[in-house]
C-alpha atoms as a PDB file:
ATOM      1  CA  MET A   1       0.000   0.000   0.000  1.00  0.00           C
ATOM      2  CA  ASN A   2       2.820   2.388   0.896  1.00  0.00           C
ATOM      3  CA  HIS A   3       4.476   1.509  -2.381  1.00  0.00           C
ATOM      4  CA  PHE A   4       1.343   2.530  -4.340  1.00  0.00           C
ATOM      5  CA  ARG A   5       1.033   5.729  -2.307  1.00  0.00           C
ATOM      6  CA  LEU A   6       4.607   6.647  -3.187  1.00  0.00           C
ATOM      7  CA  ILE A   7       3.934   6.031  -6.871  1.00  0.00           C
ATOM      8  CA  ALA A   8       0.734   8.090  -6.795  1.00  0.00           C
ATOM      9  CA  GLY A   9       2.473  10.894  -4.915  1.00  0.00           C
ATOM     10  CA  ALA A  10       5.313  10.938  -7.425  1.00  0.00           C
ATOM     11  CA  ALA A  11       2.825  11.108 -10.303  1.00  0.00           C
ATOM     12  CA  VAL A  12       0.996  14.067  -8.752  1.00  0.00           C
ATOM     13  CA  LEU A  13       4.287  15.852  -8.084  1.00  0.00           C
ATOM     14  CA  ALA A  14       5.421  15.266 -11.677  1.00  0.00           C
ATOM     15  CA  ALA A  15       2.146  16.647 -12.999  1.00  0.00           C
ATOM     16  CA  VAL A  16       2.450  19.746 -10.818  1.00  0.00           C
ATOM     17  CA  LEU A  17       6.034  20.356 -11.866  1.00  0.00           C
ATOM     18  CA  SER A  18       5.419  19.771 -15.546  1.00  0.00           C
ATOM     19  CA  GLY A  19       2.152  21.777 -15.775  1.00  0.00           C
ATOM     20  CA  PRO A  20       3.564  25.343 -15.919  1.00  0.00           C
ATOM     21  CA  ALA A  21       6.349  24.311 -18.281  1.00  0.00           C
ATOM     22  CA  ASN A  22       3.835  22.960 -20.755  1.00  0.00           C
ATOM     23  CA  ALA A  23       1.221  25.696 -20.399  1.00  0.00           C
ATOM     24  CA  ASP A  24       1.082  28.511 -22.936  1.00  0.00           C
ATOM     25  CA  ASP A  25       1.735  32.070 -21.820  1.00  0.00           C
ATOM     26  CA  ALA A  26      -1.470  34.077 -22.232  1.00  0.00           C
ATOM     27  CA  VAL A  27      -0.983  37.613 -23.530  1.00  0.00           C
ATOM     28  CA  LYS A  28      -3.495  40.366 -24.235  1.00  0.00           C
ATOM     29  CA  LEU A  29      -3.353  42.581 -27.322  1.00  0.00           C
ATOM     30  CA  THR A  30      -5.194  45.623 -28.564  1.00  0.00           C
ATOM     31  CA  ILE A  31      -5.176  45.827 -32.359  1.00  0.00           C
ATOM     32  CA  GLY A  32      -6.190  48.795 -34.468  1.00  0.00           C
ATOM     33  CA  GLN A  33      -8.579  48.363 -37.397  1.00  0.00           C
ATOM     34  CA  ARG A  34      -9.917  44.822 -37.516  1.00  0.00           C
ATOM     35  CA  GLY A  35      -9.831  43.270 -40.968  1.00  0.00           C
ATOM     36  CA  ASN A  36      -6.869  45.053 -42.545  1.00  0.00           C
ATOM     37  CA  TRP A  37      -4.304  42.670 -44.049  1.00  0.00           C
ATOM     38  CA  ASP A  38      -1.479  44.278 -42.073  1.00  0.00           C
ATOM     39  CA  THR A  39      -3.395  44.079 -38.790  1.00  0.00           C
ATOM     40  CA  ALA A  40      -4.406  40.430 -39.314  1.00  0.00           C
ATOM     41  CA  ILE A  41      -1.020  39.007 -38.319  1.00  0.00           C
ATOM     42  CA  ALA A  42      -2.102  37.935 -34.829  1.00  0.00           C
ATOM     43  CA  GLU A  43      -5.333  36.418 -36.175  1.00  0.00           C
ATOM     44  CA  LEU A  44      -3.733  34.496 -39.052  1.00  0.00           C
ATOM     45  CA  GLY A  45      -0.761  33.388 -36.960  1.00  0.00           C
ATOM     46  CA  THR A  46      -3.125  32.061 -34.300  1.00  0.00           C
ATOM     47  CA  LYS A  47      -5.244  30.274 -36.909  1.00  0.00           C
ATOM     48  CA  ALA A  48      -2.111  28.637 -38.349  1.00  0.00           C
ATOM     49  CA  GLY A  49      -0.892  27.559 -34.903  1.00  0.00           C
ATOM     50  CA  ILE A  50       2.274  29.651 -35.136  1.00  0.00           C
ATOM     51  CA  PHE A  51       1.867  31.552 -31.867  1.00  0.00           C
ATOM     52  CA  LYS A  52       0.921  28.345 -30.048  1.00  0.00           C
ATOM     53  CA  LYS A  53       4.077  26.724 -31.427  1.00  0.00           C
ATOM     54  CA  HIS A  54       5.983  29.438 -29.576  1.00  0.00           C
ATOM     55  CA  GLY A  55       4.051  28.838 -26.374  1.00  0.00           C
ATOM     56  CA  LEU A  56       1.647  31.784 -26.656  1.00  0.00           C
ATOM     57  CA  THR A  57      -2.116  32.150 -26.440  1.00  0.00           C
ATOM     58  CA  LEU A  58      -3.407  35.506 -27.666  1.00  0.00           C
ATOM     59  CA  GLU A  59      -6.443  37.413 -26.409  1.00  0.00           C
ATOM     60  CA  MET A  60      -7.189  39.956 -29.150  1.00  0.00           C
ATOM     61  CA  ILE A  61      -9.197  43.142 -28.630  1.00  0.00           C
ATOM     62  CA  TYR A  62      -9.860  45.234 -31.746  1.00  0.00           C
ATOM     63  CA  THR A  63     -10.085  49.027 -31.605  1.00  0.00           C
ATOM     64  CA  SER A  64     -11.065  51.896 -33.892  1.00  0.00           C
ATOM     65  CA  GLY A  65      -7.702  53.656 -33.870  1.00  0.00           C
ATOM     66  CA  SER A  66      -4.347  54.348 -32.322  1.00  0.00           C
ATOM     67  CA  GLY A  67      -5.582  56.190 -29.243  1.00  0.00           C
ATOM     68  CA  GLU A  68      -7.882  53.328 -28.261  1.00  0.00           C
ATOM     69  CA  THR A  69      -5.094  50.842 -28.961  1.00  0.00           C
ATOM     70  CA  LEU A  70      -2.411  52.627 -26.964  1.00  0.00           C
ATOM     71  CA  GLN A  71      -4.263  53.604 -23.786  1.00  0.00           C
ATOM     72  CA  PRO A  72      -4.810  50.036 -22.455  1.00  0.00           C
ATOM     73  CA  VAL A  73      -1.102  49.320 -23.016  1.00  0.00           C
ATOM     74  CA  ILE A  74      -0.184  52.402 -20.985  1.00  0.00           C
ATOM     75  CA  SER A  75      -2.560  51.408 -18.172  1.00  0.00           C
ATOM     76  CA  GLY A  76      -1.234  47.841 -18.165  1.00  0.00           C
ATOM     77  CA  SER A  77      -4.629  46.268 -18.825  1.00  0.00           C
ATOM     78  CA  VAL A  78      -3.160  44.726 -21.988  1.00  0.00           C
ATOM     79  CA  ASP A  79       0.407  43.719 -22.784  1.00  0.00           C
ATOM     80  CA  PHE A  80       0.858  44.595 -26.476  1.00  0.00           C
ATOM     81  CA  GLY A  81      -0.602  47.163 -28.856  1.00  0.00           C
ATOM     82  CA  LEU A  82      -0.526  46.575 -32.616  1.00  0.00           C
ATOM     83  CA  ALA A  83      -0.876  49.304 -35.265  1.00  0.00           C
ATOM     84  CA  VAL A  84      -0.120  52.205 -32.923  1.00  0.00           C
ATOM     85  CA  GLY A  85       0.741  55.429 -34.760  1.00  0.00           C
ATOM     86  CA  THR A  86       4.456  56.158 -34.441  1.00  0.00           C
ATOM     87  CA  LEU A  87       3.847  59.774 -33.494  1.00  0.00           C
ATOM     88  CA  GLY A  88       1.339  58.689 -30.863  1.00  0.00           C
ATOM     89  CA  ALA A  89       3.868  56.282 -29.352  1.00  0.00           C
ATOM     90  CA  MET A  90       6.504  59.032 -29.306  1.00  0.00           C
ATOM     91  CA  ALA A  91       4.093  61.451 -27.652  1.00  0.00           C
ATOM     92  CA  ALA A  92       3.128  58.952 -24.951  1.00  0.00           C
ATOM     93  CA  TYR A  93       6.773  58.135 -24.206  1.00  0.00           C
ATOM     94  CA  SER A  94       7.756  61.811 -24.034  1.00  0.00           C
ATOM     95  CA  LYS A  95       5.090  62.305 -21.360  1.00  0.00           C
ATOM     96  CA  GLY A  96       6.530  59.476 -19.270  1.00  0.00           C
ATOM     97  CA  ALA A  97       4.056  56.756 -20.264  1.00  0.00           C
ATOM     98  CA  PRO A  98       5.303  53.167 -19.744  1.00  0.00           C
ATOM     99  CA  VAL A  99       5.408  52.174 -23.394  1.00  0.00           C
ATOM    100  CA  ARG A 100       8.150  50.842 -25.666  1.00  0.00           C
ATOM    101  CA  ILE A 101       8.266  50.162 -29.413  1.00  0.00           C
ATOM    102  CA  ILE A 102       9.281  46.556 -30.168  1.00  0.00           C
ATOM    103  CA  GLY A 103       8.646  46.498 -33.899  1.00  0.00           C
ATOM    104  CA  ALA A 104       7.532  48.351 -37.000  1.00  0.00           C
ATOM    105  CA  GLN A 105       3.946  47.478 -37.953  1.00  0.00           C
ATOM    106  CA  ALA A 106       3.586  49.403 -41.215  1.00  0.00           C
ATOM    107  CA  THR A 107       6.214  51.231 -43.264  1.00  0.00           C
ATOM    108  CA  GLY A 108       4.356  53.155 -45.918  1.00  0.00           C
ATOM    109  CA  ALA A 109       0.625  52.455 -46.036  1.00  0.00           C
ATOM    110  CA  ALA A 110      -2.133  50.957 -48.157  1.00  0.00           C
ATOM    111  CA  ASP A 111      -4.782  53.298 -46.725  1.00  0.00           C
ATOM    112  CA  TYR A 112      -6.760  55.367 -49.199  1.00  0.00           C
ATOM    113  CA  TRP A 113      -9.189  58.315 -49.146  1.00  0.00           C
ATOM    114  CA  TYR A 114     -12.435  58.316 -51.100  1.00  0.00           C
ATOM    115  CA  ALA A 115     -15.577  60.320 -51.812  1.00  0.00           C
ATOM    116  CA  LYS A 116     -19.074  59.713 -53.125  1.00  0.00           C
ATOM    117  CA  ASN A 117     -19.347  63.257 -54.498  1.00  0.00           C
ATOM    118  CA  PRO A 118     -18.316  63.032 -58.177  1.00  0.00           C
ATOM    119  CA  ALA A 119     -17.001  66.607 -58.041  1.00  0.00           C
ATOM    120  CA  ILE A 120     -14.226  65.529 -55.639  1.00  0.00           C
ATOM    121  CA  LYS A 121     -11.791  63.688 -57.878  1.00  0.00           C
ATOM    122  CA  THR A 122      -8.456  64.764 -56.366  1.00  0.00           C
ATOM    123  CA  LEU A 123      -7.165  66.236 -53.121  1.00  0.00           C
ATOM    124  CA  GLN A 124      -7.221  69.694 -54.655  1.00  0.00           C
ATOM    125  CA  ASP A 125     -10.973  69.360 -55.210  1.00  0.00           C
ATOM    126  CA  ILE A 126     -11.702  69.085 -51.487  1.00  0.00           C
ATOM    127  CA  GLY A 127     -11.432  72.816 -50.845  1.00  0.00           C
ATOM    128  CA  ASP A 128     -12.616  73.650 -47.339  1.00  0.00           C
ATOM    129  CA  LYS A 129     -14.678  70.463 -47.039  1.00  0.00           C
ATOM    130  CA  THR A 130     -14.048  67.745 -44.426  1.00  0.00           C
ATOM    131  CA  ILE A 131     -11.545  64.895 -44.674  1.00  0.00           C
ATOM    132  CA  ALA A 132     -11.568  61.903 -42.334  1.00  0.00           C
ATOM    133  CA  PHE A 133      -8.972  60.221 -40.140  1.00  0.00           C
ATOM    134  CA  SER A 134      -9.524  57.519 -37.520  1.00  0.00           C
ATOM    135  CA  SER A 135      -8.504  59.014 -34.153  1.00  0.00           C
ATOM    136  CA  ASN A 136      -6.095  61.490 -32.577  1.00  0.00           C
ATOM    137  CA  GLY A 137      -2.492  60.293 -32.641  1.00  0.00           C
ATOM    138  CA  SER A 138      -3.228  57.734 -35.360  1.00  0.00           C
ATOM    139  CA  SER A 139      -1.272  57.111 -38.525  1.00  0.00           C
ATOM    140  CA  THR A 140      -4.277  58.224 -40.594  1.00  0.00           C
ATOM    141  CA  GLN A 141      -4.174  61.583 -38.831  1.00  0.00           C
ATOM    142  CA  SER A 142      -0.500  61.864 -39.775  1.00  0.00           C
ATOM    143  CA  VAL A 143      -1.339  61.097 -43.412  1.00  0.00           C
ATOM    144  CA  VAL A 144      -4.091  63.717 -43.501  1.00  0.00           C
ATOM    145  CA  ARG A 145      -1.735  66.292 -41.997  1.00  0.00           C
ATOM    146  CA  ALA A 146       0.837  65.356 -44.643  1.00  0.00           C
ATOM    147  CA  PHE A 147      -1.797  65.834 -47.371  1.00  0.00           C
ATOM    148  CA  ILE A 148      -2.670  69.276 -46.007  1.00  0.00           C
ATOM    149  CA  SER A 149       0.974  70.319 -45.709  1.00  0.00           C
ATOM    150  CA  GLU A 150       2.265  68.968 -49.025  1.00  0.00           C
ATOM    151  CA  PHE A 151      -0.741  69.907 -51.187  1.00  0.00           C
ATOM    152  CA  LYS A 152      -1.508  73.206 -49.391  1.00  0.00           C
ATOM    153  CA  LEU A 153      -5.071  72.149 -48.587  1.00  0.00           C
ATOM    154  CA  THR A 154      -7.642  74.082 -46.578  1.00  0.00           C
ATOM    155  CA  ALA A 155      -9.648  70.918 -45.814  1.00  0.00           C
ATOM    156  CA  LYS A 156     -10.955  70.343 -42.289  1.00  0.00           C
ATOM    157  CA  PRO A 157      -9.728  67.082 -40.671  1.00  0.00           C
ATOM    158  CA  GLN A 158     -12.380  65.134 -38.785  1.00  0.00           C
ATOM    159  CA  ALA A 159     -12.002  62.023 -36.598  1.00  0.00           C
ATOM    160  CA  THR A 160     -14.480  59.362 -37.766  1.00  0.00           C
ATOM    161  CA  GLY A 161     -13.288  56.108 -36.167  1.00  0.00           C
ATOM    162  CA  ASN A 162     -12.956  52.841 -38.059  1.00  0.00           C
ATOM    163  CA  PRO A 163     -13.619  52.292 -41.786  1.00  0.00           C
ATOM    164  CA  ALA A 164     -17.190  51.084 -41.221  1.00  0.00           C
ATOM    165  CA  THR A 165     -18.284  54.138 -39.238  1.00  0.00           C
ATOM    166  CA  THR A 166     -16.372  56.357 -41.656  1.00  0.00           C
ATOM    167  CA  LEU A 167     -18.265  54.948 -44.631  1.00  0.00           C
ATOM    168  CA  THR A 168     -21.542  55.669 -42.865  1.00  0.00           C
ATOM    169  CA  THR A 169     -20.518  59.286 -42.284  1.00  0.00           C
ATOM    170  CA  VAL A 170     -19.595  59.678 -45.969  1.00  0.00           C
ATOM    171  CA  MET A 171     -22.781  58.074 -47.272  1.00  0.00           C
ATOM    172  CA  THR A 172     -24.918  60.237 -44.962  1.00  0.00           C
ATOM    173  CA  ASP A 173     -23.049  63.432 -45.934  1.00  0.00           C
ATOM    174  CA  GLN A 174     -21.567  64.005 -42.477  1.00  0.00           C
ATOM    175  CA  VAL A 175     -18.057  64.051 -43.924  1.00  0.00           C
ATOM    176  CA  ASP A 176     -16.954  64.660 -47.505  1.00  0.00           C
ATOM    177  CA  VAL A 177     -13.844  62.488 -47.877  1.00  0.00           C
ATOM    178  CA  GLY A 178     -13.550  59.236 -45.973  1.00  0.00           C
ATOM    179  CA  TRP A 179     -10.667  56.877 -45.353  1.00  0.00           C
ATOM    180  CA  ALA A 180     -10.332  53.104 -45.532  1.00  0.00           C
ATOM    181  CA  SER A 181      -7.834  50.315 -45.907  1.00  0.00           C
ATOM    182  CA  PRO A 182      -8.344  47.317 -48.202  1.00  0.00           C
ATOM    183  CA  PRO A 183     -10.390  45.160 -48.321  1.00  0.00           C
ATOM    184  CA  PHE A 184     -12.835  47.618 -46.822  1.00  0.00           C
ATOM    185  CA  GLY A 185     -14.545  49.728 -49.465  1.00  0.00           C
ATOM    186  CA  LEU A 186     -13.431  47.709 -52.499  1.00  0.00           C
ATOM    187  CA  LYS A 187     -16.962  46.357 -52.994  1.00  0.00           C
ATOM    188  CA  GLU A 188     -18.411  49.878 -52.873  1.00  0.00           C
ATOM    189  CA  ILE A 189     -15.768  51.075 -55.349  1.00  0.00           C
ATOM    190  CA  GLU A 190     -16.627  48.235 -57.758  1.00  0.00           C
ATOM    191  CA  GLU A 191     -20.320  49.139 -57.439  1.00  0.00           C
ATOM    192  CA  GLY A 192     -19.566  52.790 -58.240  1.00  0.00           C
ATOM    193  CA  LYS A 193     -20.869  54.106 -54.909  1.00  0.00           C
ATOM    194  CA  ILE A 194     -17.540  55.725 -54.030  1.00  0.00           C
ATOM    195  CA  HIS A 195     -14.275  56.457 -55.820  1.00  0.00           C
ATOM    196  CA  ILE A 196     -10.674  56.850 -54.699  1.00  0.00           C
ATOM    197  CA  VAL A 197      -9.478  60.430 -54.262  1.00  0.00           C
ATOM    198  CA  ALA A 198      -5.968  59.748 -52.926  1.00  0.00           C
ATOM    199  CA  LYS A 199      -3.733  57.056 -51.505  1.00  0.00           C
ATOM    200  CA  ALA A 200      -1.562  57.453 -48.423  1.00  0.00           C
ATOM    201  CA  THR A 201       1.538  57.054 -50.556  1.00  0.00           C
ATOM    202  CA  ASP A 202       0.572  60.162 -52.566  1.00  0.00           C
ATOM    203  CA  ALA A 203       2.178  62.021 -49.663  1.00  0.00           C
ATOM    204  CA  ALA A 204       5.939  61.829 -50.178  1.00  0.00           C
ATOM    205  CA  LEU A 205       6.502  61.945 -46.441  1.00  0.00           C
ATOM    206  CA  VAL A 206       4.500  58.762 -45.872  1.00  0.00           C
ATOM    207  CA  ARG A 207       6.335  56.655 -48.455  1.00  0.00           C
ATOM    208  CA  GLY A 208       9.576  56.714 -46.487  1.00  0.00           C
ATOM    209  CA  GLN A 209       8.215  56.393 -42.964  1.00  0.00           C
ATOM    210  CA  THR A 210       7.208  53.725 -40.498  1.00  0.00           C
ATOM    211  CA  ILE A 211       3.807  55.156 -39.661  1.00  0.00           C
ATOM    212  CA  ARG A 212       2.563  52.413 -37.305  1.00  0.00           C
ATOM    213  CA  THR A 213       4.332  50.352 -34.662  1.00  0.00           C
ATOM    214  CA  VAL A 214       4.050  47.380 -32.312  1.00  0.00           C
ATOM    215  CA  VAL A 215       4.294  48.517 -28.689  1.00  0.00           C
ATOM    216  CA  VAL A 216       4.493  46.831 -25.316  1.00  0.00           C
ATOM    217  CA  ASN A 217       3.925  47.894 -21.727  1.00  0.00           C
ATOM    218  CA  THR A 218       7.311  48.693 -20.168  1.00  0.00           C
ATOM    219  CA  ALA A 219       6.745  46.650 -16.996  1.00  0.00           C
ATOM    220  CA  PHE A 220       5.723  43.637 -19.079  1.00  0.00           C
ATOM    221  CA  LEU A 221       8.850  44.004 -21.221  1.00  0.00           C
ATOM    222  CA  GLU A 222      11.061  44.127 -18.134  1.00  0.00           C
ATOM    223  CA  LYS A 223       9.399  41.202 -16.365  1.00  0.00           C
ATOM    224  CA  ARG A 224       8.546  38.983 -19.342  1.00  0.00           C
ATOM    225  CA  LYS A 225      11.301  39.671 -21.858  1.00  0.00           C
ATOM    226  CA  ASP A 226      11.278  36.027 -22.955  1.00  0.00           C
ATOM    227  CA  VAL A 227       7.580  36.274 -23.832  1.00  0.00           C
ATOM    228  CA  VAL A 228       8.194  39.462 -25.827  1.00  0.00           C
ATOM    229  CA  GLU A 229      11.008  37.778 -27.760  1.00  0.00           C
ATOM    230  CA  ARG A 230       8.841  34.735 -28.500  1.00  0.00           C
ATOM    231  CA  PHE A 231       5.968  36.988 -29.563  1.00  0.00           C
ATOM    232  CA  MET A 232       8.136  38.824 -32.068  1.00  0.00           C
ATOM    233  CA  LYS A 233       9.593  35.542 -33.325  1.00  0.00           C
ATOM    234  CA  ALA A 234       6.068  34.233 -33.981  1.00  0.00           C
ATOM    235  CA  TYR A 235       5.066  37.602 -35.475  1.00  0.00           C
ATOM    236  CA  ARG A 236       7.927  37.435 -37.997  1.00  0.00           C
ATOM    237  CA  GLU A 237       7.204  33.790 -38.803  1.00  0.00           C
ATOM    238  CA  THR A 238       3.548  34.655 -39.434  1.00  0.00           C
ATOM    239  CA  ILE A 239       4.508  37.380 -41.910  1.00  0.00           C
ATOM    240  CA  ASP A 240       6.599  34.859 -43.850  1.00  0.00           C
ATOM    241  CA  TYR A 241       3.624  32.485 -43.820  1.00  0.00           C
ATOM    242  CA  MET A 242       1.265  35.236 -45.057  1.00  0.00           C
ATOM    243  CA  TYR A 243       3.443  35.714 -48.164  1.00  0.00           C
ATOM    244  CA  SER A 244       4.040  32.021 -48.813  1.00  0.00           C
ATOM    245  CA  ASP A 245       2.398  29.899 -51.512  1.00  0.00           C
ATOM    246  CA  ASN A 246       0.223  28.176 -48.912  1.00  0.00           C
ATOM    247  CA  PRO A 247      -3.382  28.758 -50.092  1.00  0.00           C
ATOM    248  CA  GLN A 248      -4.711  28.315 -46.564  1.00  0.00           C
ATOM    249  CA  VAL A 249      -3.652  31.808 -45.532  1.00  0.00           C
ATOM    250  CA  ILE A 250      -5.889  33.387 -48.202  1.00  0.00           C
ATOM    251  CA  LYS A 251      -8.760  31.078 -47.206  1.00  0.00           C
ATOM    252  CA  ASP A 252      -8.365  32.072 -43.558  1.00  0.00           C
ATOM    253  CA  TYR A 253      -8.120  35.789 -44.323  1.00  0.00           C
ATOM    254  CA  ALA A 254     -11.151  35.679 -46.632  1.00  0.00           C
ATOM    255  CA  GLU A 255     -13.149  33.957 -43.894  1.00  0.00           C
ATOM    256  CA  PHE A 256     -11.913  36.440 -41.280  1.00  0.00           C
ATOM    257  CA  VAL A 257     -13.006  39.536 -43.217  1.00  0.00           C
ATOM    258  CA  LYS A 258     -15.984  37.900 -44.972  1.00  0.00           C
ATOM    259  CA  VAL A 259     -14.877  38.557 -48.544  1.00  0.00           C
ATOM    260  CA  PRO A 260     -14.442  36.206 -51.533  1.00  0.00           C
ATOM    261  CA  GLU A 261     -11.031  34.554 -51.795  1.00  0.00           C
ATOM    262  CA  PRO A 262     -10.123  36.352 -55.069  1.00  0.00           C
ATOM    263  CA  MET A 263     -10.657  39.708 -53.321  1.00  0.00           C
ATOM    264  CA  ALA A 264      -8.627  38.548 -50.320  1.00  0.00           C
ATOM    265  CA  LYS A 265      -5.768  37.617 -52.639  1.00  0.00           C
ATOM    266  CA  ARG A 266      -6.109  40.952 -54.455  1.00  0.00           C
ATOM    267  CA  VAL A 267      -5.766  42.819 -51.164  1.00  0.00           C
ATOM    268  CA  ARG A 268      -2.446  41.129 -50.444  1.00  0.00           C
ATOM    269  CA  ASP A 269      -0.999  41.150 -53.931  1.00  0.00           C
ATOM    270  CA  GLU A 270      -2.127  44.631 -55.029  1.00  0.00           C
ATOM    271  CA  PHE A 271      -2.052  46.712 -51.894  1.00  0.00           C
ATOM    272  CA  PHE A 272       0.353  45.154 -49.388  1.00  0.00           C
ATOM    273  CA  PRO A 273       3.885  44.324 -50.569  1.00  0.00           C
ATOM    274  CA  LYS A 274       5.713  42.375 -47.893  1.00  0.00           C
ATOM    275  CA  SER A 275       8.032  45.338 -47.256  1.00  0.00           C
ATOM    276  CA  ILE A 276       5.151  47.247 -45.642  1.00  0.00           C
ATOM    277  CA  LEU A 277       4.990  44.659 -42.854  1.00  0.00           C
ATOM    278  CA  ASP A 278       8.747  44.400 -42.166  1.00  0.00           C
ATOM    279  CA  PRO A 279       8.954  44.631 -38.342  1.00  0.00           C
ATOM    280  CA  ASP A 280      12.710  44.952 -37.952  1.00  0.00           C
ATOM    281  CA  LYS A 281      13.412  48.647 -38.566  1.00  0.00           C
ATOM    282  CA  ILE A 282      11.787  51.988 -37.856  1.00  0.00           C
ATOM    283  CA  VAL A 283      12.272  53.851 -41.147  1.00  0.00           C
ATOM    284  CA  GLY A 284      12.447  57.637 -41.514  1.00  0.00           C
ATOM    285  CA  LEU A 285      13.067  58.328 -37.842  1.00  0.00           C
ATOM    286  CA  ASP A 286      14.516  61.813 -38.414  1.00  0.00           C
ATOM    287  CA  SER A 287      11.535  62.998 -40.462  1.00  0.00           C
ATOM    288  CA  LEU A 288       9.126  61.373 -38.010  1.00  0.00           C
ATOM    289  CA  MET A 289      10.801  63.237 -35.151  1.00  0.00           C
ATOM    290  CA  ALA A 290      10.627  66.555 -37.001  1.00  0.00           C
ATOM    291  CA  GLU A 291       6.972  65.939 -37.799  1.00  0.00           C
ATOM    292  CA  ALA A 292       6.218  65.061 -34.177  1.00  0.00           C
ATOM    293  CA  VAL A 293       7.739  68.353 -33.025  1.00  0.00           C
ATOM    294  CA  ASN A 294       6.049  70.377 -35.767  1.00  0.00           C
ATOM    295  CA  LEU A 295       2.648  68.920 -34.904  1.00  0.00           C
ATOM    296  CA  LYS A 296       3.312  69.353 -31.169  1.00  0.00           C
ATOM    297  CA  PHE A 297       3.188  65.652 -30.378  1.00  0.00           C
ATOM    298  CA  ILE A 298       6.500  66.157 -28.548  1.00  0.00           C
ATOM    299  CA  PRO A 299       8.032  69.451 -27.335  1.00  0.00           C
ATOM    300  CA  GLN A 300      11.500  68.731 -28.761  1.00  0.00           C
ATOM    301  CA  PRO A 301      13.319  65.933 -30.584  1.00  0.00           C
ATOM    302  CA  LEU A 302      14.109  62.878 -28.505  1.00  0.00           C
ATOM    303  CA  THR A 303      17.785  62.409 -27.681  1.00  0.00           C
ATOM    304  CA  LYS A 304      19.641  59.324 -28.877  1.00  0.00           C
ATOM    305  CA  ALA A 305      19.453  57.900 -25.364  1.00  0.00           C
ATOM    306  CA  GLN A 306      15.699  58.453 -25.301  1.00  0.00           C
ATOM    307  CA  THR A 307      15.267  56.950 -28.769  1.00  0.00           C
ATOM    308  CA  ASP A 308      17.293  53.902 -27.753  1.00  0.00           C
ATOM    309  CA  GLU A 309      15.106  53.506 -24.673  1.00  0.00           C
ATOM    310  CA  LEU A 310      11.857  53.916 -26.609  1.00  0.00           C
ATOM    311  CA  ILE A 311      12.737  51.599 -29.521  1.00  0.00           C
ATOM    312  CA  GLN A 312      13.760  48.116 -28.337  1.00  0.00           C
ATOM    313  CA  ILE A 313      13.203  45.731 -31.240  1.00  0.00           C
ATOM    314  CA  PRO A 314      14.243  42.169 -30.290  1.00  0.00           C
ATOM    315  CA  PRO A 315      16.871  40.940 -32.770  1.00  0.00           C
ATOM    316  CA  ARG A 316      16.112  38.087 -35.104  1.00  0.00           C
ATOM    317  CA  LYS A 317      17.462  34.744 -33.861  1.00  0.00           C
END
């Protein structure tokens, strides 16, 4: 009897000791703009089992823009924020917020601006009418400001939230020029309900900048550096998978955003070259810094020491 008790006790002890080692680390994310190809990395990587392979279970919370994405990271209620405007991240850091950039999320952009009014064909046709962006501190706000600066526009910027609410405001004449990111709006364009007025890359400043980032709560980075490194490893692996010949990724994305597979493939192949999603380098840092100062996101340029503290991208291994 004692012999069996010893065996049972050893089995229980082994189960207790092995449990944590085998359990996935659960992490919480806020993600801007559900449905965009470039913001679907966590979703598609989870569907493909890539994050689980690296011992991670993701709880994903989608938001309407950078401000909504960043604030929970700052408060510590979530661990990571994806698709946070670079200027917004800089501004939060400069004010002492516990946030660090651990990757580039979008360098350049596939976002576009559209109208239903046939008289508005180009940016110059907007005049003093309204032009949409998602939320304060977002990359779409930066693009709109770049449009106004580079094309000498008198248009009035207006925060409209995500692409769905923006489309409603355009169709009900609450705003004149809306914004979206593929695949959103492609159906309406094909049906002739709206037409493209400008693309984000029409602004020279945007083409050479990392406009959105991946951020993490500072305390989480300090305490769970191994989790952060595994997250970025899975993130990179998912990007490679998204641009592979595996047809499953297009099937999964089409199902996720509820569009036909040919349209899902068009979104990737036409609008999102892989270079946009490269997470390993923040591009155009000097111009981003100057823009942040000019737009009063930060009072003065960050020093090299501050930049090195803010941007901590785990190296590829």
